[in-house]
Protein backbone atom coordinates (compact mmCIF):
# COMPACT_ATOMS: atom_id res chain seq x y z
CA UNK A 1 -13.51 43.45 81.54
CA UNK A 2 -15.27 46.34 79.78
CA UNK A 3 -15.81 48.09 83.11
CA UNK A 4 -12.09 48.23 83.96
CA UNK A 5 -10.96 51.85 84.10
CA UNK A 6 -8.09 51.88 86.60
CA UNK A 7 -5.23 49.39 86.40
CA UNK A 8 -2.22 49.02 88.68
CA UNK A 9 0.59 46.79 87.43
CA UNK A 10 3.86 45.91 89.14
CA UNK A 11 7.06 44.20 88.06
CA UNK A 12 9.06 42.72 90.94
CA UNK A 13 12.58 42.76 89.53
CA UNK A 14 15.74 41.38 91.05
CA UNK A 15 16.71 44.80 92.45
CA UNK A 16 13.78 47.17 91.81
CA UNK A 17 9.99 46.82 92.02
CA UNK A 18 8.24 49.06 89.50
CA UNK A 19 4.58 50.09 89.61
CA UNK A 20 2.56 51.81 86.88
CA UNK A 21 -0.94 53.32 86.83
CA UNK A 22 -3.04 53.06 83.68
CA UNK A 23 -6.38 54.86 83.40
CA UNK A 24 -9.10 54.92 80.77
CA UNK A 25 -10.12 58.37 79.58
CA UNK A 26 -12.03 59.66 76.57
CA UNK A 27 -9.14 58.92 74.23
CA UNK A 28 -8.59 55.39 75.56
CA UNK A 29 -6.15 53.89 78.04
CA UNK A 30 -3.08 55.96 78.97
CA UNK A 31 -0.16 55.75 81.39
CA UNK A 32 -0.84 58.15 84.31
CA UNK A 33 1.98 57.49 86.75
CA UNK A 34 4.98 55.39 87.70
CA UNK A 35 6.58 54.54 91.02
CA UNK A 36 9.42 52.31 92.13
CA UNK A 37 11.08 50.98 95.27
CA UNK A 38 13.79 48.45 96.16
CA UNK A 39 12.72 44.79 95.89
CA UNK A 40 12.41 43.18 99.32
CA UNK A 41 12.42 39.42 98.66
CA UNK A 42 15.69 39.01 100.57
CA UNK A 43 16.84 39.85 104.11
CA UNK A 44 16.16 41.89 106.15
CA UNK A 45 12.53 42.05 104.92
CA UNK A 46 12.09 38.57 103.37
CA UNK A 47 8.74 39.67 101.97
CA UNK A 48 8.25 40.75 98.36
CA UNK A 49 5.03 42.62 99.21
CA UNK A 50 6.94 45.24 101.22
CA UNK A 51 8.57 46.49 98.01
CA UNK A 52 5.23 46.29 96.18
CA UNK A 53 3.52 48.43 98.83
CA UNK A 54 6.38 50.95 98.74
CA UNK A 55 6.27 51.24 94.93
CA UNK A 56 2.48 51.58 94.86
CA UNK A 57 2.76 54.07 97.73
CA UNK A 58 4.88 56.26 95.47
CA UNK A 59 2.08 56.06 92.89
CA UNK A 60 -0.29 57.37 95.59
CA UNK A 61 2.00 60.32 96.30
CA UNK A 62 2.34 61.18 92.61
CA UNK A 63 -1.34 60.85 91.66
CA UNK A 64 -3.16 61.77 94.88
CA UNK A 65 -5.31 58.65 94.64
CA UNK A 66 -5.37 55.86 97.24
CA UNK A 67 -4.52 52.35 96.07
CA UNK A 68 -3.55 50.76 99.40
CA UNK A 69 -5.68 49.64 102.31
CA UNK A 70 -4.69 47.48 105.27
CA UNK A 71 -1.19 47.09 103.87
CA UNK A 72 -2.27 45.65 100.51
CA UNK A 73 -3.33 46.76 97.03
CA UNK A 74 -7.06 47.49 97.14
CA UNK A 75 -9.26 45.81 94.50
CA UNK A 76 -11.84 46.34 93.18
CA UNK A 77 -12.04 50.11 93.23
CA UNK A 78 -14.72 51.80 95.29
CA UNK A 79 -15.50 55.38 96.31
CA UNK A 80 -12.54 56.74 94.36
CA UNK A 81 -10.06 54.34 95.97
CA UNK A 82 -8.22 51.27 94.74
CA UNK A 83 -7.91 49.73 91.28
CA UNK A 84 -10.28 47.74 89.07
CA UNK A 85 -7.45 45.42 88.06
CA UNK A 86 -4.11 44.61 89.71
CA UNK A 87 -1.55 42.45 87.86
CA UNK A 88 2.10 41.65 88.49
CA UNK A 89 5.17 40.01 87.01
CA UNK A 90 8.28 38.82 88.83
CA UNK A 91 11.93 38.02 88.31
CA UNK A 92 12.85 38.62 91.96
CA UNK A 93 15.23 36.19 93.56
CA UNK A 94 16.88 35.43 90.22
CA UNK A 95 13.71 34.61 88.30
CA UNK A 96 12.73 31.09 87.24
CA UNK A 97 15.82 28.88 86.94
CA UNK A 98 15.54 25.56 85.12
CA UNK A 99 17.65 22.58 84.11
CA UNK A 100 16.58 20.84 80.90
CA UNK A 101 17.51 17.38 79.64
CA UNK A 102 17.11 15.48 76.39
CA UNK A 103 18.49 12.58 74.41
CA UNK A 104 19.98 14.38 71.38
CA UNK A 105 21.45 17.81 72.12
CA UNK A 106 20.49 19.34 68.77
CA UNK A 107 17.00 17.84 68.76
CA UNK A 108 14.93 16.96 71.84
CA UNK A 109 17.22 18.82 74.26
CA UNK A 110 17.08 21.93 72.08
CA UNK A 111 13.29 21.69 71.87
CA UNK A 112 13.16 21.46 75.67
CA UNK A 113 15.40 24.51 75.89
CA UNK A 114 13.05 26.45 73.61
CA UNK A 115 10.07 25.40 75.74
CA UNK A 116 11.74 26.57 78.96
CA UNK A 117 12.98 29.85 77.50
CA UNK A 118 9.57 30.59 76.01
CA UNK A 119 8.03 30.09 79.46
CA UNK A 120 10.31 32.80 80.87
CA UNK A 121 13.00 30.63 82.46
CA UNK A 122 16.74 31.04 82.72
CA UNK A 123 18.19 27.73 81.53
CA UNK A 124 21.11 26.98 83.85
CA UNK A 125 22.31 23.96 81.83
CA UNK A 126 21.30 21.50 79.09
CA UNK A 127 22.06 17.83 79.77
CA UNK A 128 22.00 15.46 76.80
CA UNK A 129 23.24 11.95 76.14
CA UNK A 130 25.48 13.29 73.34
CA UNK A 131 26.71 16.48 75.06
CA UNK A 132 30.27 15.14 75.22
CA UNK A 133 30.54 14.97 79.01
CA UNK A 134 31.19 11.75 80.94
CA UNK A 135 28.53 10.69 83.42
CA UNK A 136 30.52 11.71 86.49
CA UNK A 137 30.83 15.28 85.14
CA UNK A 138 27.10 15.43 84.39
CA UNK A 139 26.29 14.17 87.89
CA UNK A 140 28.63 16.70 89.50
CA UNK A 141 27.14 19.48 87.41
CA UNK A 142 23.52 18.56 88.25
CA UNK A 143 24.44 18.27 91.95
CA UNK A 144 26.05 21.73 91.95
CA UNK A 145 22.96 23.40 90.46
CA UNK A 146 19.97 24.46 92.53
CA UNK A 147 17.21 24.79 89.90
CA UNK A 148 13.59 25.65 90.58
CA UNK A 149 12.49 22.77 88.37
CA UNK A 150 13.70 20.34 85.70
CA UNK A 151 12.21 19.78 82.25
CA UNK A 152 12.99 16.27 81.02
CA UNK A 153 12.50 15.43 77.34
CA UNK A 154 13.74 12.74 74.99
CA UNK A 155 12.51 10.25 72.46
CA UNK A 156 9.94 10.79 69.75
CA UNK A 157 6.77 8.71 70.01
CA UNK A 158 7.84 5.13 69.36
CA UNK A 159 11.49 6.19 69.67
CA UNK A 160 14.18 6.09 72.35
CA UNK A 161 13.32 4.68 75.78
CA UNK A 162 16.58 3.40 77.27
CA UNK A 163 18.42 6.71 76.71
CA UNK A 164 15.59 8.53 78.50
CA UNK A 165 15.87 6.14 81.44
CA UNK A 166 19.65 6.66 81.50
CA UNK A 167 19.01 10.37 82.03
CA UNK A 168 16.57 9.58 84.83
CA UNK A 169 19.27 7.46 86.48
CA UNK A 170 21.64 10.45 86.30
CA UNK A 171 19.09 12.55 88.19
CA UNK A 172 18.78 9.84 90.84
CA UNK A 173 22.56 9.69 91.25
CA UNK A 174 22.90 13.47 91.40
CA UNK A 175 19.99 13.97 93.83
CA UNK A 176 19.48 17.65 92.86
CA UNK A 177 18.05 19.97 95.48
CA UNK A 178 15.68 22.89 94.81
CA UNK A 179 16.83 26.48 95.20
CA UNK A 180 13.93 27.44 97.48
CA UNK A 181 12.31 25.56 100.36
CA UNK A 182 13.99 22.86 102.47
CA UNK A 183 10.95 20.57 102.54
CA UNK A 184 10.08 21.32 98.93
CA UNK A 185 10.31 18.35 96.53
CA UNK A 186 11.91 19.39 93.26
CA UNK A 187 9.39 19.32 90.36
CA UNK A 188 10.50 17.32 87.31
CA UNK A 189 8.29 17.79 84.24
CA UNK A 190 8.49 14.78 81.95
CA UNK A 191 7.67 15.75 78.35
CA UNK A 192 9.26 12.89 76.42
CA UNK A 193 8.33 9.59 74.78
CA UNK A 194 5.03 8.44 76.33
CA UNK A 195 6.24 4.82 76.26
CA UNK A 196 8.82 5.71 78.92
CA UNK A 197 6.50 7.57 81.31
CA UNK A 198 5.80 4.76 83.77
CA UNK A 199 9.43 3.64 83.81
CA UNK A 200 10.65 7.21 84.40
CA UNK A 201 8.29 7.51 87.36
CA UNK A 202 9.53 4.18 88.68
CA UNK A 203 13.21 5.19 88.39
CA UNK A 204 12.74 8.61 89.98
CA UNK A 205 10.43 7.20 92.65
CA UNK A 206 9.56 9.60 95.43
CA UNK A 207 12.85 11.51 95.26
CA UNK A 208 11.27 14.28 93.17
CA UNK A 209 7.78 15.44 92.20
CA UNK A 210 7.20 13.96 88.72
CA UNK A 211 4.66 15.77 86.53
CA UNK A 212 3.82 14.21 83.16
CA UNK A 213 2.74 16.23 80.13
CA UNK A 214 2.59 15.70 76.38
CA UNK A 215 5.72 14.88 74.40
CA UNK A 216 7.20 18.17 73.22
CA UNK A 217 8.84 16.46 70.19
CA UNK A 218 6.39 13.69 69.21
CA UNK A 219 7.93 13.37 65.73
CA UNK A 220 11.15 14.57 64.15
CA UNK A 221 9.22 17.05 62.01
CA UNK A 222 6.92 18.25 64.81
CA UNK A 223 7.49 20.39 67.88
CA UNK A 224 4.67 20.72 70.43
CA UNK A 225 5.88 23.12 73.14
CA UNK A 226 2.60 24.55 74.43
CA UNK A 227 1.68 21.90 77.06
CA UNK A 228 5.20 21.91 78.55
CA UNK A 229 5.21 25.71 78.74
CA UNK A 230 1.81 25.78 80.43
CA UNK A 231 2.97 23.17 82.96
CA UNK A 232 6.08 25.24 83.69
CA UNK A 233 3.92 28.30 84.32
CA UNK A 234 1.53 26.36 86.58
CA UNK A 235 4.38 24.95 88.66
CA UNK A 236 6.01 28.36 88.82
CA UNK A 237 2.85 29.73 90.44
CA UNK A 238 1.84 26.78 92.62
CA UNK A 239 5.22 25.48 93.77
CA UNK A 240 8.13 27.86 93.14
CA UNK A 241 6.36 31.13 93.96
CA UNK A 242 4.81 29.58 97.05
CA UNK A 243 8.33 29.03 98.45
CA UNK A 244 9.55 32.60 97.83
CA UNK A 245 9.13 35.01 100.75
CA UNK A 246 5.84 36.92 100.58
CA UNK A 247 4.61 35.55 97.27
CA UNK A 248 1.70 33.73 98.88
CA UNK A 249 0.34 37.14 99.90
CA UNK A 250 1.04 38.70 96.50
CA UNK A 251 -0.76 35.84 94.74
CA UNK A 252 -3.84 36.58 96.84
CA UNK A 253 -3.78 40.27 95.81
CA UNK A 254 -3.50 39.95 92.03
CA UNK A 255 -6.48 39.76 89.68
CA UNK A 256 -4.56 37.57 87.18
CA UNK A 257 -1.83 34.93 87.70
CA UNK A 258 1.67 36.32 88.25
CA UNK A 259 3.94 35.84 85.23
CA UNK A 260 7.72 35.51 85.07
CA UNK A 261 8.97 38.87 83.73
CA UNK A 262 10.54 37.43 80.53
CA UNK A 263 7.35 35.52 79.68
CA UNK A 264 5.32 38.71 80.06
CA UNK A 265 7.69 40.54 77.71
CA UNK A 266 7.34 37.65 75.26
CA UNK A 267 3.55 37.90 75.43
CA UNK A 268 3.76 41.60 74.57
CA UNK A 269 6.17 40.97 71.69
CA UNK A 270 3.82 38.35 70.24
CA UNK A 271 0.82 40.64 70.63
CA UNK A 272 2.70 43.47 68.89
CA UNK A 273 3.66 41.17 66.01
CA UNK A 274 0.03 40.11 65.54
CA UNK A 275 -1.40 43.62 65.79
CA UNK A 276 1.23 45.25 63.58
CA UNK A 277 1.28 42.36 61.12
CA UNK A 278 5.09 42.29 60.95
CA UNK A 279 8.01 40.20 62.16
CA UNK A 280 9.44 41.62 65.39
CA UNK A 281 12.81 41.42 67.11
CA UNK A 282 13.05 42.72 70.69
CA UNK A 283 16.00 42.91 73.07
CA UNK A 284 16.36 43.70 76.77
CA UNK A 285 19.97 44.39 77.74
CA UNK A 286 20.51 44.56 81.49
CA UNK A 287 23.38 44.64 83.92
CA UNK A 288 23.81 40.85 84.10
CA UNK A 289 21.86 39.32 81.18
CA UNK A 290 20.60 40.09 77.70
CA UNK A 291 17.25 38.64 76.56
CA UNK A 292 16.36 38.47 72.87
CA UNK A 293 12.81 37.79 71.61
CA UNK A 294 11.61 37.28 68.05
CA UNK A 295 8.48 36.45 66.09
CA UNK A 296 8.91 35.30 62.49
CA UNK A 297 6.02 33.71 60.57
CA UNK A 298 4.08 33.52 63.82
CA UNK A 299 6.79 31.47 65.55
CA UNK A 300 7.97 32.91 68.86
CA UNK A 301 11.46 32.36 70.23
CA UNK A 302 13.35 33.71 73.22
CA UNK A 303 16.94 33.33 74.34
CA UNK A 304 18.74 34.61 77.41
CA UNK A 305 22.48 35.26 77.37
CA UNK A 306 23.14 35.00 81.09
CA UNK A 307 26.76 36.13 80.79
CA UNK A 308 26.30 39.25 78.66
CA UNK A 309 25.40 42.46 80.48
CA UNK A 310 26.48 46.04 81.00
CA UNK A 311 27.60 46.01 84.65
CA UNK A 312 27.80 42.75 86.61
CA UNK A 313 28.63 40.78 83.44
CA UNK A 314 30.54 43.44 81.52
CA UNK A 315 33.83 41.56 81.85
CA UNK A 316 32.16 38.49 80.37
CA UNK A 317 31.46 40.58 77.28
CA UNK A 318 35.17 41.46 77.24
CA UNK A 319 36.13 37.79 77.59
CA UNK A 320 33.80 36.63 74.82
CA UNK A 321 34.30 39.48 72.35
CA UNK A 322 37.94 40.20 73.14
CA UNK A 323 39.41 43.64 73.63
CA UNK A 324 39.82 44.08 69.85
CA UNK A 325 36.15 43.25 69.29
CA UNK A 326 35.07 46.06 71.60
CA UNK A 327 37.75 48.60 70.61
CA UNK A 328 36.71 48.41 66.96
CA UNK A 329 33.38 50.11 67.82
CA UNK A 330 34.88 52.93 69.91
CA UNK A 331 35.15 56.22 67.96
CA UNK A 332 37.82 57.41 70.44
CA UNK A 333 41.35 55.99 70.90
CA UNK A 334 41.51 53.51 73.79
CA UNK A 335 44.33 51.07 74.51
CA UNK A 336 43.71 47.44 75.41
CA UNK A 337 44.95 47.80 79.01
CA UNK A 338 42.94 50.99 79.52
CA UNK A 339 39.82 49.28 78.19
CA UNK A 340 40.26 46.30 80.51
CA UNK A 341 40.72 48.60 83.51
CA UNK A 342 37.65 50.64 82.63
CA UNK A 343 35.47 47.55 82.34
CA UNK A 344 36.82 46.01 85.55
CA UNK A 345 36.01 49.22 87.38
CA UNK A 346 32.48 49.07 85.99
CA UNK A 347 32.09 45.47 87.16
CA UNK A 348 33.09 46.23 90.75
CA UNK A 349 31.06 49.48 90.76
CA UNK A 350 28.05 48.36 88.72
CA UNK A 351 25.79 51.32 89.54
CA UNK A 352 28.14 54.01 88.20
CA UNK A 353 27.18 55.93 85.06
CA UNK A 354 29.48 57.49 82.42
CA UNK A 355 30.95 60.83 83.49
CA UNK A 356 32.39 61.97 80.15
CA UNK A 357 31.48 61.61 76.49
CA UNK A 358 34.47 59.26 76.14
CA UNK A 359 33.14 57.03 78.95
CA UNK A 360 29.74 56.97 77.24
CA UNK A 361 31.11 56.05 73.81
CA UNK A 362 33.17 53.20 75.24
CA UNK A 363 30.14 51.80 77.11
CA UNK A 364 28.12 52.02 73.91
CA UNK A 365 30.92 50.12 72.12
CA UNK A 366 30.58 47.35 74.73
CA UNK A 367 26.80 47.37 74.22
CA UNK A 368 27.22 46.79 70.48
CA UNK A 369 29.23 43.63 71.15
CA UNK A 370 26.88 42.40 73.90
CA UNK A 371 23.89 42.89 71.60
CA UNK A 372 25.67 41.32 68.62
CA UNK A 373 26.75 38.23 70.56
CA UNK A 374 23.33 37.78 72.18
CA UNK A 375 21.71 38.09 68.76
CA UNK A 376 24.00 35.44 67.24
CA UNK A 377 23.08 33.13 70.14
CA UNK A 378 19.40 33.81 69.48
CA UNK A 379 19.63 33.23 65.72
CA UNK A 380 21.32 29.87 66.35
CA UNK A 381 18.57 28.66 68.70
CA UNK A 382 15.63 30.18 66.77
CA UNK A 383 16.05 27.60 64.05
CA UNK A 384 14.13 25.02 62.14
CA UNK A 385 13.80 21.46 63.42
CA UNK A 386 16.73 19.14 62.99
CA UNK A 387 16.43 15.78 61.29
CA UNK A 388 13.24 16.70 59.43
CA UNK A 389 12.31 14.45 56.50
CA UNK A 390 15.49 12.45 56.91
CA UNK A 391 15.57 8.70 57.46
CA UNK A 392 18.16 8.12 60.17
CA UNK A 393 19.01 5.50 62.71
CA UNK A 394 19.56 6.50 66.35
CA UNK A 395 23.32 6.22 65.80
CA UNK A 396 23.03 8.69 62.90
CA UNK A 397 21.15 11.15 65.10
CA UNK A 398 23.90 11.14 67.72
CA UNK A 399 26.45 12.15 65.09
CA UNK A 400 24.25 14.74 63.41
CA UNK A 401 26.18 18.01 63.21
CA UNK A 402 25.07 21.55 62.86
CA UNK A 403 21.73 23.21 63.29
CA UNK A 404 18.68 23.73 61.15
CA UNK A 405 18.31 26.95 59.19
CA UNK A 406 17.62 29.95 61.41
CA UNK A 407 14.12 31.40 61.37
CA UNK A 408 15.57 34.90 61.74
CA UNK A 409 15.37 36.62 58.36
CA UNK A 410 16.60 40.21 58.62
CA UNK A 411 15.25 41.16 55.19
CA UNK A 412 11.70 40.32 56.35
CA UNK A 413 12.07 41.96 59.75
CA UNK A 414 9.58 44.80 60.21
CA UNK A 415 10.29 46.17 63.71
CA UNK A 416 13.17 46.16 66.21
CA UNK A 417 12.40 47.10 69.83
CA UNK A 418 15.22 47.89 72.25
CA UNK A 419 15.02 48.14 76.03
CA UNK A 420 17.45 48.32 78.92
CA UNK A 421 19.23 51.35 80.34
CA UNK A 422 21.96 51.64 77.70
CA UNK A 423 19.28 51.90 74.97
CA UNK A 424 16.27 53.46 76.71
CA UNK A 425 18.31 56.13 78.51
CA UNK A 426 20.88 57.00 75.84
CA UNK A 427 21.47 60.79 75.95
CA UNK A 428 20.55 61.02 72.27
CA UNK A 429 17.92 58.71 70.78
CA UNK A 430 20.02 58.54 67.62
CA UNK A 431 22.69 56.74 69.65
CA UNK A 432 20.22 54.00 70.57
CA UNK A 433 19.21 53.68 66.90
CA UNK A 434 22.80 53.37 65.72
CA UNK A 435 23.70 50.82 68.44
CA UNK A 436 20.86 48.56 67.28
CA UNK A 437 21.69 49.04 63.60
CA UNK A 438 25.37 48.21 64.16
CA UNK A 439 24.64 45.19 66.38
CA UNK A 440 21.75 43.59 64.46
CA UNK A 441 22.53 44.87 60.94
CA UNK A 442 18.94 44.94 59.64
CA UNK A 443 18.37 44.61 55.91
CA UNK A 444 15.83 46.26 53.65
CA UNK A 445 13.31 48.56 55.38
CA UNK A 446 12.96 48.21 59.16
CA UNK A 447 11.35 50.35 61.86
CA UNK A 448 13.22 51.04 65.11
CA UNK A 449 11.83 51.83 68.57
CA UNK A 450 12.80 51.71 72.25
CA UNK A 451 10.75 50.89 75.34
CA UNK A 452 10.78 54.23 77.16
CA UNK A 453 10.65 52.96 80.77
CA UNK A 454 10.69 49.15 80.40
CA UNK A 455 6.92 48.90 80.64
CA UNK A 456 6.60 45.79 78.47
CA UNK A 457 6.46 43.27 81.37
CA UNK A 458 3.47 44.99 83.00
CA UNK A 459 1.73 45.38 79.63
CA UNK A 460 2.41 41.73 78.79
CA UNK A 461 0.64 40.39 81.88
CA UNK A 462 -2.09 43.00 81.48
CA UNK A 463 -2.65 41.73 77.93
CA UNK A 464 -3.91 38.41 79.28
CA UNK A 465 -7.01 40.27 80.54
CA UNK A 466 -7.16 43.40 78.36
CA UNK A 467 -5.17 42.94 75.13
CA UNK A 468 -6.65 46.02 73.42
CA UNK A 469 -5.83 48.26 76.39
CA UNK A 470 -2.30 46.84 76.58
CA UNK A 471 -1.77 47.56 72.89
CA UNK A 472 -3.11 51.12 73.22
CA UNK A 473 -0.66 51.96 76.01
CA UNK A 474 2.12 50.10 74.20
CA UNK A 475 1.74 52.30 71.13
CA UNK A 476 1.07 55.60 72.90
CA UNK A 477 3.23 55.56 76.02
CA UNK A 478 5.60 52.60 75.93
CA UNK A 479 7.29 52.71 72.53
CA UNK A 480 9.42 55.68 71.53
CA UNK A 481 9.68 55.60 67.71
CA UNK A 482 13.26 56.06 66.55
CA UNK A 483 12.42 56.01 62.86
CA UNK A 484 13.23 53.73 59.94
CA UNK A 485 16.48 52.25 58.66
CA UNK A 486 16.89 51.50 54.96
CA UNK A 487 19.80 49.16 54.21
CA UNK A 488 20.42 47.78 50.69
CA UNK A 489 22.28 44.45 50.52
CA UNK A 490 24.81 43.49 47.88
CA UNK A 491 28.38 44.00 46.76
CA UNK A 492 29.69 47.41 45.82
CA UNK A 493 32.99 49.27 45.83
CA UNK A 494 33.54 52.13 48.28
CA UNK A 495 31.86 55.27 46.97
CA UNK A 496 29.68 53.59 44.32
CA UNK A 497 26.02 54.56 44.17
CA UNK A 498 23.97 51.70 45.64
CA UNK A 499 20.55 53.35 45.93
CA UNK A 500 18.57 56.26 44.51
CA UNK A 501 15.89 57.42 46.93
CA UNK A 502 12.89 59.72 47.14
CA UNK A 503 11.27 60.37 50.54
CA UNK A 504 8.49 62.91 51.02
CA UNK A 505 9.64 65.23 48.26
CA UNK A 506 13.35 64.90 49.03
CA UNK A 507 15.65 62.80 46.86
CA UNK A 508 19.27 61.80 46.53
CA UNK A 509 21.79 59.01 46.12
CA UNK A 510 23.24 56.66 48.73
CA UNK A 511 26.83 55.61 48.18
CA UNK A 512 28.58 52.51 49.44
CA UNK A 513 30.24 53.00 52.84
CA UNK A 514 28.09 56.02 53.75
CA UNK A 515 25.25 56.84 56.12
CA UNK A 516 22.60 59.46 55.35
CA UNK A 517 19.88 60.82 57.59
CA UNK A 518 16.57 62.26 56.38
CA UNK A 519 14.78 64.12 59.22
CA UNK A 520 11.26 62.82 59.80
CA UNK A 521 9.55 63.36 63.14
CA UNK A 522 7.75 60.77 65.25
CA UNK A 523 4.15 60.33 64.12
CA UNK A 524 4.96 61.42 60.56
CA UNK A 525 4.78 59.12 57.55
CA UNK A 526 6.01 59.83 54.03
CA UNK A 527 5.80 58.08 50.69
CA UNK A 528 9.14 56.59 49.70
CA UNK A 529 10.47 55.25 46.41
CA UNK A 530 13.71 53.29 46.54
CA UNK A 531 15.63 52.31 43.41
CA UNK A 532 18.58 49.99 44.15
CA UNK A 533 21.36 49.72 41.60
CA UNK A 534 21.90 46.48 39.76
CA UNK A 535 22.74 43.63 42.15
CA UNK A 536 21.55 45.51 45.24
CA UNK A 537 18.49 44.25 47.14
CA UNK A 538 16.13 46.36 49.27
CA UNK A 539 13.57 43.64 49.88
CA UNK A 540 11.99 43.05 46.47
CA UNK A 541 14.91 41.21 44.91
CA UNK A 542 18.20 42.36 43.33
CA UNK A 543 17.78 45.58 41.36
CA UNK A 544 14.03 45.80 41.98
CA UNK A 545 12.43 49.01 43.21
CA UNK A 546 10.55 49.34 46.50
CA UNK A 547 7.75 51.79 47.21
CA UNK A 548 5.68 52.38 50.31
CA UNK A 549 5.39 54.57 53.38
CA UNK A 550 8.16 55.05 55.90
CA UNK A 551 7.68 56.23 59.48
CA UNK A 552 9.66 58.86 61.31
CA UNK A 553 11.04 59.13 64.82
CA UNK A 554 13.79 60.70 66.87
CA UNK A 555 16.43 59.47 64.40
CA UNK A 556 14.34 60.11 61.29
CA UNK A 557 15.07 57.87 58.30
CA UNK A 558 18.60 56.46 58.24
CA UNK A 559 19.91 55.23 54.89
CA UNK A 560 22.69 52.72 55.53
CA UNK A 561 25.01 52.05 52.60
CA UNK A 562 27.72 50.30 54.63
CA UNK A 563 26.84 46.83 53.31
CA UNK A 564 26.08 43.52 54.99
CA UNK A 565 27.93 42.15 56.81
CA UNK A 566 29.18 45.50 58.05
CA UNK A 567 32.97 45.69 57.81
CA UNK A 568 35.08 48.26 59.63
CA UNK A 569 38.38 49.57 58.20
CA UNK A 570 41.49 47.76 59.44
CA UNK A 571 43.67 50.83 59.99
CA UNK A 572 43.25 52.66 63.30
CA UNK A 573 43.15 56.18 61.83
CA UNK A 574 40.76 55.22 59.02
CA UNK A 575 38.52 53.28 61.42
CA UNK A 576 38.27 56.15 63.91
CA UNK A 577 37.50 58.53 61.08
CA UNK A 578 34.75 56.31 59.68
CA UNK A 579 33.11 55.76 63.08
CA UNK A 580 33.10 59.49 63.74
CA UNK A 581 31.69 60.15 60.26
CA UNK A 582 28.89 57.58 60.69
CA UNK A 583 27.91 58.75 64.16
CA UNK A 584 27.70 62.38 63.09
CA UNK A 585 25.80 61.48 59.93
CA UNK A 586 23.23 59.58 62.02
CA UNK A 587 22.96 62.43 64.53
CA UNK A 588 24.49 60.32 67.31
CA UNK A 589 27.12 62.98 68.03
CA UNK A 590 26.70 66.76 68.07
CA UNK A 591 27.86 68.52 64.95
CA UNK A 592 27.15 68.28 61.28
CA UNK A 593 24.52 65.75 60.23
């Protein structure tokens, strides 16, 4: 791939198809242009390639170079035309939708859910023997769903067989139908106890297409998700994509296999974590869903909150968080009825944008709750294995409560990446920084950045062929550095000094309940020395000093003395005053900083 100089990458989204042009110059690979057009997977076009051609056609207009010939993307390049590499991702038509099953909800079913999410799927439901629903409800639920495929797990090696077969019988009774293709047999991936494979095939018969892969939970203390994820991706390309209008043509154009958009983002997050040598948390907040990705200790996890979004699903945020949960983040007075009416209007007019500063601040208050709730969901699923090193009978496993310890450790988190319109297109970058700080509440020393134009999907699929080029563009053109947040953790009374700091020749004290901002531009680094007061922890242990280099960005260095968990004042007047104080201190509102 050393001779690749011109790359075209597209992302076929549910509403918009986006195309980018990346070229290699003397300084390395850089973004040279971007085009977009409406996605055309549905009527009246029923052909995803129409939107691709339109988006790439806009690239032609902007760059003056030809990339299309005979109604398709031209590869390889020749005589100054076409591209050396063409790659694409897709979430058109609702993306990859999967049903997963298991024996124990908090064990094999949860492992199956992690496998499906990591492969870029939206998990429409999780069926487990111990999920608390009677069989007739499970059957009705399965029958009402129209998944693209089913991932069936259950039983460690040498473990449960009958419970796995009971789940297979449920599928037979429900007779689920695929979302796409009338003559298409629904794929069922079996990734459970190998002793049950033949019997599962016998029960399911020829009603579905059974594909067998390795057990994703061979032992209680072991999770083996890779083979199941690879099988999901293969079936996505060979079966699901082949049923979607126009994808057979698109598959013939691309130089690399098409990836589901969330999987491509996950690939880029994992590459960034490896290259930067830090733990990474990334979020994509859209109109209907919020995806959260993380890499801690090399372990990748993804969750999708399908009911938390900023337009189509904005009233779901209201229902889950409650009006009080959203109002507490708004630095302007807003009554409960007024808030409900505002959010209902947004839901029925999802493409509208805020017209006043008050509208903007209320939407950003909603975003804080959507991000917070999605993050809590992610932290619960990104957990250690259940039942590890415990001798239990099957009856014990069914009654096992709770989850394993979460892998998400905010004190060890090195980088937070935000994407989605509310973050990437915030009028002031400091607003995006403060939304992420308030929602995720990072601890210690953490860098912040946003994806400028949601380029991570295209870079993620491009990384499968050219990882170094993908990382170059990621650092130079994709990420917008917001700066660094420094947040000591511990108990302190309001106004007490919690940290003494020195950053690039400046110094001062951080008091409990306050925010401070030290200007430091993007691309700049400064030596920092942090001295927490007794009992406060900045990452080295209670009372221990931290020294190192901190990076700047649009928001500079934000010192957050508000404590963890962050608590807002109860009184309305005091709360509004504090929110206004914090936003101005962080530079998120015009005025004193």
